[in-house]
Amino acid sequence: MKCLHLPDVQYTDSRLLPDILGDRTIAHGGVYVFKPGEIAHPEPRHVHDTEEVFIFVQGRGVLPVDGVEYPVKTGDVVIVDAGEDHHLRSSEDDPLVSVWYVMKG
C-alpha cells in the first residue's frame, strides 16, 4: 500500500500517478458515498489481481490492509497493491466519499 496526499500526487497531461502506475489504463471504477459507519467489502477477504486507487474527497475512515488499520481522510490518495486484502470503514460522524478505480492488469 502507498499513501499520498493530493498536493504530492504526480500526473502528466493524460495519466494520474504515472510514477507508480505507468501508462496503464483504468479497468473500472466510480464514486462511492458511504453511510455513517459503513464497511465496504464486509466479506472476510477482498483482493484484486492489480492495483486499486482510492481518492478520498470527503470525510474520514479507516482502511484495513492485510490486517493493519490505516486512518484515511479528505485529500488522501491510497494505492492498494495487487493481492493486498483491503476493506474500508467509514466514520460514524464524518462519512467518507471516495473516488476509486481498479487498473487493467
Protein backbone atom coordinates (compact mmCIF):
# COMPACT_ATOMS: atom_id res chain seq x y z
CA MET A 1 0.00 0.00 0.00
CA LYS A 2 1.11 3.55 -0.75
CA CYS A 3 -0.45 6.65 0.77
CA LEU A 4 -0.06 10.17 -0.64
CA HIS A 5 -1.80 13.48 -0.07
CA LEU A 6 -3.30 15.36 -3.03
CA PRO A 7 -0.54 18.03 -3.32
CA ASP A 8 2.06 15.23 -3.65
CA VAL A 9 0.30 13.33 -6.46
CA GLN A 10 2.29 13.13 -9.69
CA TYR A 11 0.48 13.40 -13.03
CA THR A 12 1.01 14.02 -16.74
CA ASP A 13 -1.44 15.56 -19.20
CA SER A 14 -3.02 12.12 -19.67
CA ARG A 15 -2.25 9.96 -16.59
CA LEU A 16 -2.55 10.21 -12.82
CA LEU A 17 0.29 8.60 -10.83
CA PRO A 18 2.49 7.64 -13.81
CA ASP A 19 5.45 7.14 -11.48
CA ILE A 20 3.53 4.29 -9.78
CA LEU A 21 1.06 3.02 -12.38
CA GLY A 22 2.97 3.72 -15.59
CA ASP A 23 0.87 4.22 -18.71
CA ARG A 24 -1.68 1.52 -17.85
CA THR A 25 -5.36 2.39 -18.08
CA ILE A 26 -8.33 2.01 -15.77
CA ALA A 27 -10.49 -1.12 -16.00
CA HIS A 28 -13.42 0.23 -13.96
CA GLY A 29 -14.27 2.46 -11.04
CA GLY A 30 -16.67 5.01 -9.66
CA VAL A 31 -17.61 7.29 -6.80
CA TYR A 32 -18.96 5.86 -3.55
CA VAL A 33 -20.81 7.80 -0.86
CA PHE A 34 -20.62 5.85 2.41
CA LYS A 35 -23.31 5.73 5.05
CA PRO A 36 -22.11 6.52 8.60
CA GLY A 37 -20.07 3.56 9.89
CA GLU A 38 -20.50 1.56 6.66
CA ILE A 39 -17.94 -1.11 5.80
CA ALA A 40 -17.07 -1.75 2.16
CA HIS A 41 -16.45 -5.39 1.35
CA PRO A 42 -17.53 -6.97 4.64
CA GLU A 43 -16.54 -10.42 3.32
CA PRO A 44 -13.54 -11.98 5.10
CA ARG A 45 -11.10 -11.39 2.22
CA HIS A 46 -11.18 -8.84 -0.63
CA VAL A 47 -8.28 -8.65 -3.12
CA HIS A 48 -7.63 -7.73 -6.76
CA ASP A 49 -5.01 -9.00 -9.19
CA THR A 50 -3.92 -5.41 -9.91
CA GLU A 51 -3.77 -2.07 -8.08
CA GLU A 52 -6.83 -0.23 -6.78
CA VAL A 53 -6.65 3.52 -6.24
CA PHE A 54 -8.75 5.47 -3.73
CA ILE A 55 -9.03 9.26 -3.70
CA PHE A 56 -10.86 10.47 -0.60
CA VAL A 57 -12.85 13.60 -1.39
CA GLN A 58 -14.81 13.91 1.85
CA GLY A 59 -14.90 12.53 5.38
CA ARG A 60 -12.78 10.21 7.49
CA GLY A 61 -12.43 6.48 7.98
CA VAL A 62 -10.12 3.52 8.33
CA LEU A 63 -8.62 1.38 5.58
CA PRO A 64 -7.53 -2.02 6.90
CA VAL A 65 -4.88 -3.53 4.58
CA ASP A 66 -3.62 -7.03 5.36
CA GLY A 67 -4.84 -6.62 8.94
CA VAL A 68 -3.20 -3.23 9.60
CA GLU A 69 -5.62 -0.31 10.07
CA TYR A 70 -4.67 2.95 8.34
CA PRO A 71 -6.66 6.13 9.05
CA VAL A 72 -7.80 7.96 5.90
CA LYS A 73 -9.28 11.42 5.40
CA THR A 74 -10.16 14.00 2.79
CA GLY A 75 -7.23 14.60 0.44
CA ASP A 76 -5.59 11.21 0.90
CA VAL A 77 -4.75 9.12 -2.15
CA VAL A 78 -4.12 5.44 -1.45
CA ILE A 79 -2.88 2.76 -3.85
CA VAL A 80 -3.66 -0.76 -2.66
CA ASP A 81 -1.26 -3.17 -4.35
CA ALA A 82 -2.32 -6.35 -6.13
CA GLY A 83 -3.05 -9.17 -3.71
CA GLU A 84 -3.46 -6.97 -0.62
CA ASP A 85 -6.59 -7.74 1.41
CA HIS A 86 -8.45 -4.46 1.95
CA HIS A 87 -11.72 -3.09 3.34
CA LEU A 88 -12.92 0.45 4.05
CA ARG A 89 -14.75 1.54 7.18
CA SER A 90 -16.37 4.96 7.21
CA SER A 91 -16.53 7.24 10.23
CA GLU A 92 -19.84 7.44 12.07
CA ASP A 93 -19.56 11.24 12.43
CA ASP A 94 -17.90 12.24 9.14
CA PRO A 95 -18.76 9.66 6.42
CA LEU A 96 -16.36 9.03 3.55
CA VAL A 97 -16.86 9.87 -0.09
CA SER A 98 -14.33 8.06 -2.26
CA VAL A 99 -13.38 8.02 -5.91
CA TRP A 100 -12.00 4.56 -6.68
CA TYR A 101 -10.66 2.73 -9.68
CA VAL A 102 -9.07 -0.60 -10.48
CA MET A 103 -6.27 -0.71 -13.05
CA LYS A 104 -6.17 -3.06 -16.03
CA GLY A 105 -3.81 -5.95 -15.32
